[in-house]
């Protein structure tokens, strides 16, 4: 998805327009991924590693349950 959108992403400096020229077509390539990445970069432009705090305490990544019965007959 990203590569597809990046290949057609276009800037028209005369119209001050960014986007996919196919966005309004029925099965055209969209530009949502490109804009979401751009907004993430723009939103983090004034923060650095010093703005993040150290995480302490228990870290929980989920639970893994080991089943003794196979799920299928192989």
N, C-alpha and C. Protein backbone atom coordinates (compact mmCIF):
# COMPACT_ATOMS: atom_id res chain seq x y z
N UNK A 1 0.83 -1.18 0.00
CA UNK A 1 0.00 0.00 0.00
C UNK A 1 0.88 1.25 0.00
N UNK A 2 1.87 1.31 0.89
CA UNK A 2 2.70 2.51 0.96
C UNK A 2 3.44 2.75 -0.36
N UNK A 3 4.05 1.70 -0.90
CA UNK A 3 4.80 1.88 -2.14
C UNK A 3 3.90 2.32 -3.29
N UNK A 4 2.72 1.73 -3.34
CA UNK A 4 1.78 2.09 -4.41
C UNK A 4 1.40 3.55 -4.31
N UNK A 5 1.08 4.01 -3.10
CA UNK A 5 0.69 5.41 -2.92
C UNK A 5 1.87 6.35 -3.12
N UNK A 6 3.05 5.95 -2.69
CA UNK A 6 4.23 6.80 -2.84
C UNK A 6 4.59 7.00 -4.30
N UNK A 7 4.34 6.00 -5.12
CA UNK A 7 4.68 6.10 -6.54
C UNK A 7 3.81 7.11 -7.29
N UNK A 8 2.58 7.32 -6.85
CA UNK A 8 1.70 8.24 -7.57
C UNK A 8 1.46 9.56 -6.84
N UNK A 9 2.04 9.71 -5.65
CA UNK A 9 1.83 10.94 -4.88
C UNK A 9 2.44 12.11 -5.65
N UNK A 10 1.68 13.17 -5.80
CA UNK A 10 2.04 14.26 -6.69
C UNK A 10 1.89 15.60 -5.98
N UNK A 11 2.75 16.54 -6.34
CA UNK A 11 2.65 17.91 -5.83
C UNK A 11 2.55 18.86 -7.01
N UNK A 12 1.51 19.67 -7.00
CA UNK A 12 1.33 20.69 -8.03
C UNK A 12 1.60 22.04 -7.38
N UNK A 13 2.79 22.61 -7.58
CA UNK A 13 3.11 23.87 -6.91
C UNK A 13 2.25 25.05 -7.35
N UNK A 14 1.74 25.02 -8.57
CA UNK A 14 0.90 26.12 -9.05
C UNK A 14 -0.44 26.16 -8.32
N UNK A 15 -0.99 24.98 -8.03
CA UNK A 15 -2.29 24.91 -7.35
C UNK A 15 -2.14 24.70 -5.85
N UNK A 16 -0.91 24.57 -5.35
CA UNK A 16 -0.65 24.27 -3.93
C UNK A 16 -1.41 23.01 -3.51
N UNK A 17 -1.24 21.97 -4.29
CA UNK A 17 -2.00 20.73 -4.08
C UNK A 17 -1.06 19.54 -3.97
N UNK A 18 -1.34 18.66 -3.00
CA UNK A 18 -0.63 17.41 -2.84
C UNK A 18 -1.64 16.28 -2.90
N UNK A 19 -1.26 15.13 -3.45
CA UNK A 19 -2.16 13.99 -3.40
C UNK A 19 -2.02 13.07 -4.59
N UNK A 20 -2.94 12.12 -4.64
CA UNK A 20 -2.98 11.16 -5.72
C UNK A 20 -3.91 11.67 -6.81
N UNK A 21 -3.44 11.72 -8.05
CA UNK A 21 -4.32 12.16 -9.13
C UNK A 21 -5.45 11.18 -9.41
N UNK A 22 -5.34 9.97 -8.86
CA UNK A 22 -6.37 8.94 -9.07
C UNK A 22 -7.36 8.85 -7.91
N UNK A 23 -7.24 9.71 -6.92
CA UNK A 23 -8.04 9.60 -5.69
C UNK A 23 -9.55 9.56 -5.95
N UNK A 24 -10.04 10.32 -6.88
CA UNK A 24 -11.48 10.40 -7.12
C UNK A 24 -11.99 9.35 -8.10
N UNK A 25 -11.09 8.56 -8.68
CA UNK A 25 -11.51 7.51 -9.60
C UNK A 25 -12.06 6.32 -8.82
N UNK A 26 -12.90 5.53 -9.48
CA UNK A 26 -13.57 4.41 -8.80
C UNK A 26 -12.59 3.45 -8.13
N UNK A 27 -11.60 2.98 -8.84
CA UNK A 27 -10.60 2.07 -8.27
C UNK A 27 -9.22 2.72 -8.26
N UNK A 28 -9.18 4.02 -8.10
CA UNK A 28 -7.92 4.75 -8.14
C UNK A 28 -7.10 4.57 -6.88
N UNK A 29 -5.83 4.83 -7.02
CA UNK A 29 -4.91 4.74 -5.89
C UNK A 29 -5.17 5.93 -4.96
N UNK A 30 -5.28 5.65 -3.69
CA UNK A 30 -5.58 6.67 -2.69
C UNK A 30 -4.28 7.30 -2.19
N UNK A 31 -4.40 8.25 -1.25
CA UNK A 31 -3.22 8.90 -0.68
C UNK A 31 -3.28 8.98 0.84
N UNK A 32 -4.18 8.22 1.46
CA UNK A 32 -4.37 8.30 2.91
C UNK A 32 -3.12 7.90 3.69
N UNK A 33 -2.44 6.87 3.23
CA UNK A 33 -1.24 6.40 3.91
C UNK A 33 -0.16 7.48 3.89
N UNK A 34 0.00 8.13 2.78
CA UNK A 34 1.01 9.18 2.65
C UNK A 34 0.70 10.36 3.59
N UNK A 35 -0.56 10.75 3.64
CA UNK A 35 -0.93 11.87 4.52
C UNK A 35 -0.80 11.50 5.98
N UNK A 36 -1.14 10.26 6.37
CA UNK A 36 -1.03 9.88 7.77
C UNK A 36 0.43 9.84 8.22
N UNK A 37 1.33 9.38 7.37
CA UNK A 37 2.75 9.38 7.70
C UNK A 37 3.27 10.81 7.79
N UNK A 38 2.86 11.65 6.87
CA UNK A 38 3.29 13.06 6.90
C UNK A 38 2.81 13.75 8.17
N UNK A 39 1.58 13.50 8.61
CA UNK A 39 1.08 14.13 9.83
C UNK A 39 1.81 13.60 11.07
N UNK A 40 2.21 12.33 11.07
CA UNK A 40 2.99 11.79 12.19
C UNK A 40 4.34 12.47 12.28
N UNK A 41 5.00 12.64 11.16
CA UNK A 41 6.30 13.31 11.15
C UNK A 41 6.13 14.77 11.57
N UNK A 42 5.12 15.43 11.05
CA UNK A 42 4.88 16.83 11.39
C UNK A 42 4.55 16.98 12.88
N UNK A 43 3.76 16.06 13.42
CA UNK A 43 3.38 16.14 14.83
C UNK A 43 4.54 15.92 15.77
N UNK A 44 5.56 15.19 15.35
CA UNK A 44 6.69 14.92 16.21
C UNK A 44 7.90 15.78 15.93
N UNK A 45 7.73 16.83 15.19
CA UNK A 45 8.88 17.62 14.77
C UNK A 45 9.57 18.36 15.91
N UNK A 46 8.86 18.62 17.01
CA UNK A 46 9.45 19.39 18.10
C UNK A 46 9.75 18.54 19.33
N UNK A 47 9.69 17.22 19.22
CA UNK A 47 10.00 16.38 20.37
C UNK A 47 11.29 15.61 20.09
N UNK A 48 11.94 15.21 21.18
CA UNK A 48 13.18 14.44 21.06
C UNK A 48 13.12 13.30 22.06
N UNK A 49 14.17 12.53 22.13
CA UNK A 49 14.23 11.41 23.07
C UNK A 49 14.14 11.89 24.51
N UNK A 50 14.54 13.12 24.78
CA UNK A 50 14.47 13.66 26.14
C UNK A 50 13.04 13.88 26.61
N UNK A 51 12.09 13.94 25.69
CA UNK A 51 10.69 14.16 26.06
C UNK A 51 9.98 12.89 26.53
N UNK A 52 10.63 11.75 26.40
CA UNK A 52 10.01 10.49 26.80
C UNK A 52 10.52 10.09 28.18
N UNK A 53 9.65 9.52 28.97
CA UNK A 53 10.06 9.12 30.31
C UNK A 53 10.42 7.63 30.33
N UNK A 54 11.21 7.25 31.32
CA UNK A 54 11.59 5.86 31.48
C UNK A 54 10.41 5.06 31.99
N UNK A 55 10.20 3.90 31.42
CA UNK A 55 9.11 3.02 31.85
C UNK A 55 9.61 2.12 32.97
N UNK A 56 8.85 2.02 34.04
CA UNK A 56 9.21 1.17 35.17
C UNK A 56 8.04 0.27 35.51
N UNK A 57 8.33 -0.73 36.32
CA UNK A 57 7.27 -1.64 36.75
C UNK A 57 7.21 -2.88 35.89
N UNK A 58 6.18 -3.63 36.09
CA UNK A 58 6.00 -4.88 35.35
C UNK A 58 5.60 -4.59 33.92
N UNK A 59 6.21 -5.32 33.02
CA UNK A 59 5.84 -5.20 31.61
C UNK A 59 5.07 -6.45 31.24
N UNK A 60 3.91 -6.27 30.70
CA UNK A 60 3.06 -7.39 30.32
C UNK A 60 2.85 -7.35 28.82
N UNK A 61 3.25 -8.42 28.15
CA UNK A 61 3.12 -8.49 26.70
C UNK A 61 2.04 -9.46 26.26
N UNK A 62 1.26 -9.96 27.20
CA UNK A 62 0.21 -10.89 26.84
C UNK A 62 0.42 -12.25 27.49
N UNK A 63 -0.43 -13.17 27.17
CA UNK A 63 -0.40 -14.50 27.74
C UNK A 63 -0.28 -15.53 26.62
N UNK A 64 0.56 -16.53 26.84
CA UNK A 64 0.69 -17.61 25.87
C UNK A 64 0.21 -18.89 26.54
N UNK A 65 -0.72 -19.56 25.90
CA UNK A 65 -1.28 -20.81 26.44
C UNK A 65 -0.81 -21.95 25.55
N UNK A 66 -0.08 -22.89 26.14
CA UNK A 66 0.39 -24.06 25.39
C UNK A 66 -0.67 -25.15 25.43
N UNK A 67 -1.23 -25.47 24.30
CA UNK A 67 -2.24 -26.52 24.21
C UNK A 67 -1.57 -27.88 24.07
N UNK A 68 -2.14 -28.87 24.71
CA UNK A 68 -1.60 -30.22 24.60
C UNK A 68 -2.28 -31.00 23.50
N UNK A 69 -3.41 -30.55 23.05
CA UNK A 69 -4.17 -31.24 22.00
C UNK A 69 -3.92 -30.50 20.69
N UNK A 70 -3.48 -31.18 19.63
CA UNK A 70 -3.30 -30.48 18.37
C UNK A 70 -4.63 -29.99 17.81
N UNK A 71 -4.58 -28.89 17.08
CA UNK A 71 -5.80 -28.30 16.55
C UNK A 71 -6.32 -29.03 15.31
N UNK A 72 -5.51 -29.81 14.68
CA UNK A 72 -5.96 -30.52 13.48
C UNK A 72 -5.39 -31.93 13.44
N UNK A 73 -5.96 -32.74 12.59
CA UNK A 73 -5.45 -34.11 12.41
C UNK A 73 -4.54 -34.09 11.18
N UNK A 74 -3.26 -34.06 11.40
CA UNK A 74 -2.31 -33.95 10.30
C UNK A 74 -1.91 -35.28 9.82
